């Protein structure tokens, strides 16, 4: 699997699915540890053993950074199931969201027709960011929830229905909330 310990498994969440979106294939490949990346090259890359050895040598000599080597693998795998262009878009998305901690170019949008304040864990469930209000409260307690970049630590927090906002849960889940 991605962790190098357990087998690849959907239930363990440590696999790269060939039908997953390009951004996920790219991101999951980038999450492979530095120690494991050459094993992935040997198993899934189209590079020859000579080319893989050259990458290893570049890493040992310090002329290549592990991130560069992983990016090459992530681009190759993403392009295999999508296209070269999709792989470049996925790389841009990864750099923007994970390296620079910016907002993604595109994110799901959730419209809410309410004039009343909405309890944040319920809003997180309704918008599809978490599976239950318990999960939402847990994420808030872990300081993993922010609204427009501001961390929310109160599990009783209610969102006022004024304007649009960006709700972020964890590192990867974003949703634009539109009050109408």
N, C-alpha and C. Protein backbone atom coordinates (compact mmCIF):
# COMPACT_ATOMS: atom_id res chain seq x y z
N UNK A 1 0.81 -1.19 0.00
CA UNK A 1 0.00 0.00 0.00
C UNK A 1 0.85 1.25 0.00
N UNK A 2 0.19 2.37 0.14
CA UNK A 2 0.89 3.66 0.15
C UNK A 2 1.83 3.79 1.34
N UNK A 3 1.50 3.08 2.43
CA UNK A 3 2.32 3.19 3.63
C UNK A 3 3.52 2.24 3.65
N UNK A 4 3.54 1.27 2.74
CA UNK A 4 4.64 0.32 2.69
C UNK A 4 4.55 -0.77 3.74
N UNK A 5 3.48 -0.76 4.53
CA UNK A 5 3.32 -1.75 5.58
C UNK A 5 2.17 -2.69 5.23
N UNK A 6 1.00 -2.12 5.06
CA UNK A 6 -0.19 -2.91 4.75
C UNK A 6 -0.37 -3.05 3.25
N UNK A 7 -1.15 -4.06 2.85
CA UNK A 7 -1.46 -4.25 1.43
C UNK A 7 -2.31 -3.07 0.95
N UNK A 8 -2.31 -2.84 -0.36
CA UNK A 8 -3.19 -1.81 -0.92
C UNK A 8 -4.62 -2.26 -0.69
N UNK A 9 -5.41 -1.40 -0.09
CA UNK A 9 -6.77 -1.78 0.26
C UNK A 9 -7.67 -0.56 0.29
N UNK A 10 -8.82 -0.70 -0.33
CA UNK A 10 -9.79 0.39 -0.33
C UNK A 10 -10.26 0.67 1.09
N UNK A 11 -10.50 -0.39 1.88
CA UNK A 11 -10.98 -0.20 3.24
C UNK A 11 -9.93 0.47 4.13
N UNK A 12 -8.66 0.26 3.85
CA UNK A 12 -7.60 0.92 4.62
C UNK A 12 -7.30 2.32 4.06
N UNK A 13 -7.80 2.60 2.87
CA UNK A 13 -7.58 3.91 2.26
C UNK A 13 -6.15 4.15 1.83
N UNK A 14 -5.39 3.08 1.59
CA UNK A 14 -3.98 3.26 1.21
C UNK A 14 -3.70 2.67 -0.18
N UNK A 15 -4.52 3.08 -1.12
CA UNK A 15 -4.39 2.56 -2.48
C UNK A 15 -4.52 3.71 -3.47
N UNK A 16 -4.10 3.47 -4.69
CA UNK A 16 -4.29 4.43 -5.77
C UNK A 16 -5.22 3.75 -6.77
N UNK A 17 -6.45 4.22 -6.84
CA UNK A 17 -7.44 3.62 -7.74
C UNK A 17 -7.29 4.15 -9.15
N UNK A 18 -7.38 3.27 -10.14
CA UNK A 18 -7.20 3.71 -11.53
C UNK A 18 -8.39 4.50 -12.05
N UNK A 19 -9.51 4.46 -11.34
CA UNK A 19 -10.68 5.23 -11.77
C UNK A 19 -10.85 6.51 -10.95
N UNK A 20 -9.90 6.78 -10.08
CA UNK A 20 -9.98 7.99 -9.26
C UNK A 20 -9.69 9.22 -10.12
N UNK A 21 -10.13 10.39 -9.66
CA UNK A 21 -9.81 11.62 -10.40
C UNK A 21 -8.29 11.82 -10.51
N UNK A 22 -7.88 12.50 -11.56
CA UNK A 22 -6.45 12.74 -11.81
C UNK A 22 -5.77 13.39 -10.60
N UNK A 23 -6.44 14.35 -9.96
CA UNK A 23 -5.85 15.01 -8.78
C UNK A 23 -5.55 14.01 -7.67
N UNK A 24 -6.43 13.02 -7.49
CA UNK A 24 -6.23 12.03 -6.44
C UNK A 24 -5.08 11.08 -6.77
N UNK A 25 -5.01 10.64 -8.03
CA UNK A 25 -3.91 9.76 -8.43
C UNK A 25 -2.58 10.48 -8.20
N UNK A 26 -2.52 11.73 -8.64
CA UNK A 26 -1.29 12.51 -8.47
C UNK A 26 -0.96 12.68 -6.98
N UNK A 27 -1.95 13.13 -6.21
CA UNK A 27 -1.72 13.39 -4.79
C UNK A 27 -1.34 12.16 -4.00
N UNK A 28 -2.00 11.04 -4.29
CA UNK A 28 -1.67 9.81 -3.56
C UNK A 28 -0.27 9.32 -3.93
N UNK A 29 0.11 9.49 -5.18
CA UNK A 29 1.46 9.09 -5.57
C UNK A 29 2.48 9.96 -4.84
N UNK A 30 2.19 11.24 -4.70
CA UNK A 30 3.11 12.13 -3.98
C UNK A 30 3.20 11.78 -2.49
N UNK A 31 2.19 11.08 -1.96
CA UNK A 31 2.22 10.73 -0.54
C UNK A 31 3.04 9.48 -0.25
N UNK A 32 3.50 8.80 -1.29
CA UNK A 32 4.35 7.62 -1.10
C UNK A 32 5.66 8.08 -0.44
N UNK A 33 6.13 7.32 0.53
CA UNK A 33 7.35 7.72 1.25
C UNK A 33 8.57 7.70 0.32
N UNK A 34 9.58 8.47 0.69
CA UNK A 34 10.81 8.51 -0.09
C UNK A 34 11.44 7.12 -0.17
N UNK A 35 11.34 6.36 0.92
CA UNK A 35 11.93 5.02 0.95
C UNK A 35 11.24 4.08 -0.03
N UNK A 36 9.93 4.29 -0.26
CA UNK A 36 9.15 3.39 -1.12
C UNK A 36 9.12 3.79 -2.58
N UNK A 37 9.47 5.03 -2.89
CA UNK A 37 9.21 5.53 -4.25
C UNK A 37 9.91 4.71 -5.34
N UNK A 38 11.09 4.20 -5.06
CA UNK A 38 11.77 3.43 -6.11
C UNK A 38 11.13 2.06 -6.31
N UNK A 39 10.53 1.54 -5.26
CA UNK A 39 9.78 0.28 -5.41
C UNK A 39 8.59 0.53 -6.33
N UNK A 40 7.93 1.67 -6.18
CA UNK A 40 6.83 2.03 -7.07
C UNK A 40 7.33 2.19 -8.51
N UNK A 41 8.48 2.82 -8.66
CA UNK A 41 9.06 2.95 -10.01
C UNK A 41 9.25 1.57 -10.64
N UNK A 42 9.80 0.64 -9.86
CA UNK A 42 10.06 -0.70 -10.38
C UNK A 42 8.77 -1.43 -10.76
N UNK A 43 7.70 -1.21 -9.98
CA UNK A 43 6.46 -1.95 -10.19
C UNK A 43 5.52 -1.32 -11.21
N UNK A 44 5.45 0.01 -11.27
CA UNK A 44 4.41 0.63 -12.10
C UNK A 44 4.91 1.58 -13.18
N UNK A 45 6.18 1.91 -13.17
CA UNK A 45 6.69 2.88 -14.15
C UNK A 45 7.08 2.19 -15.46
N UNK A 46 7.05 2.96 -16.53
CA UNK A 46 7.53 2.47 -17.82
C UNK A 46 9.02 2.74 -18.01
N UNK A 47 9.67 3.34 -17.02
CA UNK A 47 11.11 3.61 -17.13
C UNK A 47 11.89 2.30 -17.07
N UNK A 48 13.00 2.28 -17.78
CA UNK A 48 13.87 1.09 -17.76
C UNK A 48 14.62 1.05 -16.43
N UNK A 49 15.19 -0.10 -16.12
CA UNK A 49 15.97 -0.23 -14.89
C UNK A 49 17.18 0.71 -14.91
N UNK A 50 17.72 0.97 -16.09
CA UNK A 50 18.85 1.90 -16.22
C UNK A 50 18.41 3.32 -15.86
N UNK A 51 17.23 3.71 -16.35
CA UNK A 51 16.72 5.06 -16.04
C UNK A 51 16.41 5.20 -14.55
N UNK A 52 15.87 4.14 -13.95
CA UNK A 52 15.57 4.16 -12.51
C UNK A 52 16.87 4.27 -11.72
N UNK A 53 17.89 3.54 -12.13
CA UNK A 53 19.20 3.61 -11.46
C UNK A 53 19.78 5.02 -11.56
N UNK A 54 19.57 5.67 -12.70
CA UNK A 54 20.07 7.05 -12.88
C UNK A 54 19.36 7.99 -11.89
N UNK A 55 18.07 7.77 -11.66
CA UNK A 55 17.35 8.58 -10.68
C UNK A 55 17.89 8.34 -9.27
N UNK A 56 18.13 7.06 -8.95
CA UNK A 56 18.70 6.72 -7.63
C UNK A 56 20.05 7.39 -7.44
N UNK A 57 20.87 7.35 -8.48
CA UNK A 57 22.20 7.95 -8.41
C UNK A 57 22.08 9.47 -8.23
N UNK A 58 21.16 10.09 -8.95
CA UNK A 58 20.94 11.53 -8.81
C UNK A 58 20.54 11.90 -7.39
N UNK A 59 19.74 11.05 -6.77
CA UNK A 59 19.32 11.28 -5.39
C UNK A 59 20.52 11.14 -4.45
N UNK A 60 21.30 10.10 -4.64
CA UNK A 60 22.47 9.86 -3.78
C UNK A 60 23.51 10.98 -3.91
N UNK A 61 23.68 11.49 -5.13
CA UNK A 61 24.67 12.55 -5.37
C UNK A 61 24.15 13.92 -4.98
N UNK A 62 22.86 14.01 -4.72
CA UNK A 62 22.27 15.29 -4.35
C UNK A 62 21.91 16.18 -5.52
N UNK A 63 21.98 15.65 -6.75
CA UNK A 63 21.61 16.45 -7.91
C UNK A 63 20.10 16.42 -8.15
N UNK A 64 19.42 15.46 -7.55
CA UNK A 64 17.96 15.37 -7.63
C UNK A 64 17.37 15.35 -6.23
N UNK A 65 16.24 16.03 -6.06
CA UNK A 65 15.53 16.05 -4.79
C UNK A 65 14.45 14.96 -4.83
N UNK A 66 14.16 14.30 -3.70
CA UNK A 66 13.13 13.26 -3.70
C UNK A 66 11.78 13.75 -4.25
N UNK A 67 11.44 15.01 -3.98
CA UNK A 67 10.17 15.54 -4.48
C UNK A 67 10.15 15.54 -6.01
N UNK A 68 11.25 15.92 -6.64
CA UNK A 68 11.32 15.92 -8.11
C UNK A 68 11.10 14.51 -8.67
N UNK A 69 11.71 13.54 -8.01
CA UNK A 69 11.61 12.16 -8.47
C UNK A 69 10.17 11.66 -8.32
N UNK A 70 9.54 12.02 -7.21
CA UNK A 70 8.15 11.63 -6.98
C UNK A 70 7.21 12.33 -7.96
N UNK A 71 7.49 13.60 -8.25
CA UNK A 71 6.66 14.33 -9.21
C UNK A 71 6.69 13.65 -10.57
N UNK A 72 7.85 13.19 -10.97
CA UNK A 72 8.00 12.50 -12.25
C UNK A 72 7.12 11.25 -12.28
N UNK A 73 7.15 10.49 -11.19
CA UNK A 73 6.33 9.28 -11.09
C UNK A 73 4.84 9.63 -11.07
N UNK A 74 4.48 10.65 -10.31
CA UNK A 74 3.07 11.06 -10.21
C UNK A 74 2.55 11.52 -11.57
N UNK A 75 3.36 12.28 -12.31
CA UNK A 75 2.96 12.72 -13.66
C UNK A 75 2.78 11.52 -14.58
N UNK A 76 3.72 10.57 -14.50
CA UNK A 76 3.65 9.39 -15.37
C UNK A 76 2.39 8.58 -15.09
N UNK A 77 2.11 8.32 -13.81
CA UNK A 77 0.92 7.51 -13.48
C UNK A 77 -0.37 8.23 -13.84
N UNK A 78 -0.44 9.51 -13.56
CA UNK A 78 -1.65 10.28 -13.87
C UNK A 78 -1.87 10.32 -15.38
N UNK A 79 -0.82 10.55 -16.14
CA UNK A 79 -0.93 10.61 -17.61
C UNK A 79 -1.32 9.25 -18.18
N UNK A 80 -0.93 8.18 -17.54
CA UNK A 80 -1.27 6.84 -18.04
C UNK A 80 -2.79 6.64 -18.06
N UNK A 81 -3.49 7.14 -17.06
CA UNK A 81 -4.93 6.92 -16.96
C UNK A 81 -5.74 8.11 -17.45
N UNK A 82 -5.11 9.23 -17.65
CA UNK A 82 -5.79 10.42 -18.16
C UNK A 82 -5.02 10.92 -19.38
N UNK A 83 -4.37 12.06 -19.26
CA UNK A 83 -3.56 12.59 -20.36
C UNK A 83 -2.41 13.37 -19.76
N UNK A 84 -1.46 13.72 -20.62
CA UNK A 84 -0.32 14.53 -20.17
C UNK A 84 -0.82 15.87 -19.63
N UNK A 85 -1.81 16.44 -20.32
CA UNK A 85 -2.37 17.73 -19.89
C UNK A 85 -3.05 17.60 -18.52
N UNK A 86 -3.83 16.53 -18.33
CA UNK A 86 -4.48 16.31 -17.03
C UNK A 86 -3.44 16.13 -15.92
N UNK A 87 -2.33 15.47 -16.25
CA UNK A 87 -1.26 15.28 -15.27
C UNK A 87 -0.65 16.62 -14.87
N UNK A 88 -0.48 17.52 -15.85
CA UNK A 88 0.07 18.84 -15.55
C UNK A 88 -0.91 19.66 -14.70
N UNK A 89 -2.20 19.54 -15.01
CA UNK A 89 -3.23 20.23 -14.22
C UNK A 89 -3.23 19.70 -12.79
N UNK A 90 -3.14 18.37 -12.64
CA UNK A 90 -3.10 17.76 -11.31
C UNK A 90 -1.87 18.21 -10.53
N UNK A 91 -0.74 18.34 -11.22
CA UNK A 91 0.49 18.80 -10.57
C UNK A 91 0.32 20.25 -10.09
N UNK A 92 -0.28 21.08 -10.94
CA UNK A 92 -0.53 22.47 -10.57
C UNK A 92 -1.45 22.53 -9.34
N UNK A 93 -2.50 21.72 -9.36
CA UNK A 93 -3.44 21.67 -8.23
C UNK A 93 -2.71 21.25 -6.95
N UNK A 94 -1.89 20.22 -7.06
CA UNK A 94 -1.15 19.72 -5.89
C UNK A 94 -0.24 20.81 -5.33
N UNK A 95 0.50 21.47 -6.20
CA UNK A 95 1.42 22.53 -5.76
C UNK A 95 0.65 23.66 -5.09
N UNK A 96 -0.45 24.04 -5.69
CA UNK A 96 -1.23 25.16 -5.17
C UNK A 96 -1.84 24.84 -3.81
N UNK A 97 -2.47 23.67 -3.70
CA UNK A 97 -3.22 23.34 -2.49
C UNK A 97 -2.32 22.81 -1.38
N UNK A 98 -1.37 21.94 -1.71
CA UNK A 98 -0.60 21.27 -0.66
C UNK A 98 0.75 21.92 -0.39
N UNK A 99 1.42 22.39 -1.40
CA UNK A 99 2.73 23.01 -1.18
C UNK A 99 2.58 24.46 -0.73
N UNK A 100 1.68 25.19 -1.37
CA UNK A 100 1.52 26.61 -1.06
C UNK A 100 0.34 26.88 -0.13
N UNK A 101 -0.46 25.85 0.14
CA UNK A 101 -1.63 25.94 1.01
C UNK A 101 -2.64 26.99 0.53
N UNK A 102 -2.75 27.15 -0.79
CA UNK A 102 -3.76 28.03 -1.38
C UNK A 102 -5.05 27.26 -1.56
N UNK A 103 -6.08 27.97 -1.99
CA UNK A 103 -7.35 27.32 -2.31
C UNK A 103 -7.27 26.71 -3.70
N UNK A 104 -7.96 25.60 -3.93
CA UNK A 104 -7.96 25.02 -5.29
C UNK A 104 -8.69 25.95 -6.26
N UNK A 105 -8.38 25.81 -7.56
CA UNK A 105 -9.05 26.62 -8.57
C UNK A 105 -10.53 26.30 -8.64
N UNK A 106 -10.86 25.03 -8.47
CA UNK A 106 -12.26 24.61 -8.51
C UNK A 106 -12.58 23.84 -7.24
N UNK A 107 -13.78 24.06 -6.72
CA UNK A 107 -14.22 23.31 -5.54
C UNK A 107 -15.73 23.16 -5.60
N UNK A 108 -16.26 22.17 -4.90
CA UNK A 108 -17.71 22.00 -4.90
C UNK A 108 -18.39 23.22 -4.30
N UNK A 109 -19.60 23.45 -4.73
CA UNK A 109 -20.38 24.58 -4.22
C UNK A 109 -21.65 24.03 -3.60
N UNK A 110 -22.02 24.54 -2.44
CA UNK A 110 -23.23 24.10 -1.75
C UNK A 110 -24.09 25.33 -1.49
N UNK A 111 -25.33 25.30 -2.01
CA UNK A 111 -26.26 26.42 -1.80
C UNK A 111 -27.16 26.11 -0.62
N UNK A 112 -27.35 27.10 0.21
CA UNK A 112 -28.18 26.93 1.39
C UNK A 112 -29.18 28.07 1.45
N UNK A 113 -30.44 27.71 1.48
CA UNK A 113 -31.51 28.70 1.53
C UNK A 113 -31.96 28.81 2.98
N UNK A 114 -31.32 29.71 3.73
CA UNK A 114 -31.63 29.85 5.14
C UNK A 114 -31.36 31.28 5.59
N UNK A 115 -32.23 31.75 6.47
CA UNK A 115 -32.02 33.06 7.09
C UNK A 115 -31.57 32.91 8.53
N UNK A 116 -31.54 31.67 9.00
CA UNK A 116 -31.17 31.36 10.38
C UNK A 116 -29.72 30.88 10.43
N UNK A 117 -29.04 31.11 11.55
CA UNK A 117 -27.70 30.55 11.71
C UNK A 117 -27.75 29.02 11.60
N UNK A 118 -26.69 28.43 11.04
CA UNK A 118 -26.63 26.98 10.84
C UNK A 118 -25.50 26.41 11.68
N UNK A 119 -25.82 25.36 12.45
CA UNK A 119 -24.81 24.70 13.29
C UNK A 119 -23.74 24.13 12.39
N UNK A 120 -22.49 24.47 12.65
CA UNK A 120 -21.38 24.11 11.77
C UNK A 120 -21.28 22.61 11.48
N UNK A 121 -21.34 21.72 12.49
CA UNK A 121 -21.26 20.29 12.15
C UNK A 121 -22.37 19.83 11.19
N UNK A 122 -23.57 20.40 11.31
CA UNK A 122 -24.66 20.05 10.40
C UNK A 122 -24.36 20.57 8.99
N UNK A 123 -23.82 21.78 8.90
CA UNK A 123 -23.45 22.34 7.60
C UNK A 123 -22.36 21.48 6.94
N UNK A 124 -21.44 20.98 7.74
CA UNK A 124 -20.38 20.12 7.21
C UNK A 124 -20.95 18.83 6.63
N UNK A 125 -21.97 18.26 7.30
CA UNK A 125 -22.62 17.04 6.79
C UNK A 125 -23.42 17.37 5.54
N UNK A 126 -24.24 18.42 5.61
CA UNK A 126 -25.10 18.79 4.47
C UNK A 126 -24.29 19.09 3.22
N UNK A 127 -23.12 19.68 3.38
CA UNK A 127 -22.29 20.03 2.22
C UNK A 127 -21.44 18.85 1.75
N UNK A 128 -21.48 17.73 2.48
CA UNK A 128 -20.76 16.53 2.06
C UNK A 128 -19.30 16.47 2.48
N UNK A 129 -18.89 17.36 3.37
CA UNK A 129 -17.48 17.38 3.79
C UNK A 129 -17.17 16.33 4.85
N UNK A 130 -18.18 15.95 5.63
CA UNK A 130 -18.02 14.88 6.62
C UNK A 130 -19.25 13.98 6.55
N UNK A 131 -19.15 12.79 7.13
CA UNK A 131 -20.24 11.82 7.02
C UNK A 131 -21.26 11.92 8.15
N UNK A 132 -20.88 12.54 9.27
CA UNK A 132 -21.80 12.65 10.40
C UNK A 132 -21.45 13.89 11.22
N UNK A 133 -22.42 14.33 12.04
CA UNK A 133 -22.13 15.48 12.90
C UNK A 133 -21.07 15.11 13.94
N UNK A 134 -21.02 13.84 14.34
CA UNK A 134 -19.97 13.40 15.27
C UNK A 134 -18.60 13.57 14.63
N UNK A 135 -18.50 13.18 13.36
CA UNK A 135 -17.25 13.35 12.62
C UNK A 135 -16.91 14.83 12.52
N UNK A 136 -17.92 15.65 12.26
CA UNK A 136 -17.72 17.10 12.18
C UNK A 136 -17.20 17.68 13.48
N UNK A 137 -17.81 17.28 14.60
CA UNK A 137 -17.35 17.76 15.91
C UNK A 137 -15.92 17.31 16.18
N UNK A 138 -15.61 16.07 15.83
CA UNK A 138 -14.26 15.54 16.03
C UNK A 138 -13.24 16.37 15.24
N UNK A 139 -13.57 16.69 13.98
CA UNK A 139 -12.66 17.49 13.15
C UNK A 139 -12.48 18.89 13.75
N UNK A 140 -13.55 19.47 14.28
CA UNK A 140 -13.46 20.80 14.90
C UNK A 140 -12.54 20.72 16.13
N UNK A 141 -12.72 19.69 16.96
CA UNK A 141 -11.88 19.53 18.15
C UNK A 141 -10.41 19.35 17.78
N UNK A 142 -10.16 18.74 16.63
CA UNK A 142 -8.78 18.53 16.18
C UNK A 142 -8.20 19.77 15.49
N UNK A 143 -8.97 20.86 15.52
CA UNK A 143 -8.53 22.12 14.92
C UNK A 143 -8.32 21.98 13.41
N UNK A 144 -9.15 21.16 12.77
CA UNK A 144 -8.99 20.88 11.34
C UNK A 144 -10.06 21.55 10.48
N UNK A 145 -10.81 22.49 11.07
CA UNK A 145 -11.89 23.14 10.33
C UNK A 145 -11.64 24.65 10.31
N UNK A 146 -11.79 25.23 9.12
CA UNK A 146 -11.66 26.68 9.03
C UNK A 146 -12.72 27.24 8.09
N UNK A 147 -13.09 28.48 8.37
CA UNK A 147 -14.02 29.22 7.52
C UNK A 147 -13.28 30.46 7.04
N UNK A 148 -13.17 30.58 5.73
CA UNK A 148 -12.43 31.68 5.12
C UNK A 148 -11.04 31.85 5.73
N UNK A 149 -10.37 30.71 6.00
CA UNK A 149 -9.01 30.73 6.50
C UNK A 149 -8.87 30.87 8.00
N UNK A 150 -9.98 31.06 8.72
CA UNK A 150 -9.93 31.23 10.17
C UNK A 150 -10.35 29.93 10.85
N UNK A 151 -9.46 29.38 11.69
CA UNK A 151 -9.73 28.12 12.39
C UNK A 151 -10.93 28.27 13.32
N UNK A 152 -11.74 27.23 13.37
CA UNK A 152 -12.90 27.19 14.26
C UNK A 152 -12.65 26.08 15.27
N UNK A 153 -12.69 26.40 16.56
CA UNK A 153 -12.43 25.41 17.59
C UNK A 153 -13.62 25.09 18.46
N UNK A 154 -14.74 25.78 18.24
CA UNK A 154 -15.94 25.61 19.06
C UNK A 154 -16.93 24.69 18.35
N UNK A 155 -17.22 23.54 18.97
CA UNK A 155 -18.14 22.57 18.34
C UNK A 155 -19.58 23.07 18.33
N UNK A 156 -19.88 24.12 19.09
CA UNK A 156 -21.23 24.69 19.10
C UNK A 156 -21.36 25.88 18.15
N UNK A 157 -20.32 26.15 17.39
CA UNK A 157 -20.30 27.31 16.48
C UNK A 157 -21.41 27.21 15.45
N UNK A 158 -22.10 28.32 15.22
CA UNK A 158 -23.11 28.40 14.16
C UNK A 158 -22.68 29.44 13.14
N UNK A 159 -22.95 29.14 11.89
CA UNK A 159 -22.55 30.00 10.78
C UNK A 159 -23.71 30.95 10.47
N UNK A 160 -23.40 32.23 10.44
CA UNK A 160 -24.41 33.24 10.10
C UNK A 160 -24.61 33.25 8.58
N UNK A 161 -25.85 33.29 8.12
CA UNK A 161 -26.13 33.24 6.68
C UNK A 161 -25.92 34.59 5.99
N UNK A 162 -24.68 35.04 5.91
CA UNK A 162 -24.39 36.31 5.25
C UNK A 162 -23.29 36.10 4.22
N UNK A 163 -23.62 36.24 2.96
CA UNK A 163 -22.63 36.13 1.89
C UNK A 163 -22.13 34.71 1.69
N UNK A 164 -21.09 34.59 0.88
CA UNK A 164 -20.50 33.29 0.59
C UNK A 164 -19.30 33.07 1.50
N UNK A 165 -18.94 31.82 1.71
CA UNK A 165 -17.77 31.51 2.51
C UNK A 165 -17.12 30.23 2.00
N UNK A 166 -15.85 30.06 2.35
CA UNK A 166 -15.11 28.85 1.99
C UNK A 166 -14.93 28.04 3.27
N UNK A 167 -15.48 26.83 3.25
CA UNK A 167 -15.37 25.92 4.39
C UNK A 167 -14.32 24.86 4.05
N UNK A 168 -13.34 24.72 4.94
CA UNK A 168 -12.26 23.75 4.72
C UNK A 168 -12.22 22.78 5.89
N UNK A 169 -12.16 21.49 5.56
CA UNK A 169 -12.07 20.45 6.57
C UNK A 169 -10.82 19.62 6.27
N UNK A 170 -9.90 19.57 7.19
CA UNK A 170 -8.65 18.86 6.97
C UNK A 170 -7.80 19.61 5.95
N UNK A 171 -6.94 18.86 5.26
CA UNK A 171 -6.05 19.49 4.29
C UNK A 171 -6.61 19.48 2.88
N UNK A 172 -7.56 18.60 2.62
CA UNK A 172 -7.96 18.37 1.23
C UNK A 172 -9.40 18.66 0.90
N UNK A 173 -10.24 18.86 1.89
CA UNK A 173 -11.67 19.01 1.61
C UNK A 173 -12.10 20.47 1.71
N UNK A 174 -12.61 20.97 0.60
CA UNK A 174 -13.04 22.36 0.50
C UNK A 174 -14.46 22.40 -0.03
N UNK A 175 -15.20 23.43 0.36
CA UNK A 175 -16.53 23.64 -0.22
C UNK A 175 -16.85 25.12 -0.13
N UNK A 176 -17.39 25.64 -1.21
CA UNK A 176 -17.86 27.03 -1.19
C UNK A 176 -19.32 26.99 -0.77
N UNK A 177 -19.65 27.67 0.32
CA UNK A 177 -21.02 27.72 0.83
C UNK A 177 -21.64 29.02 0.34
N UNK A 178 -22.77 28.89 -0.35
CA UNK A 178 -23.47 30.05 -0.89
C UNK A 178 -24.83 30.15 -0.20
N UNK A 179 -25.03 31.22 0.53
CA UNK A 179 -26.33 31.45 1.17
C UNK A 179 -27.22 32.21 0.20
N UNK A 180 -28.44 31.70 0.01
CA UNK A 180 -29.36 32.38 -0.92
C UNK A 180 -30.65 32.76 -0.23
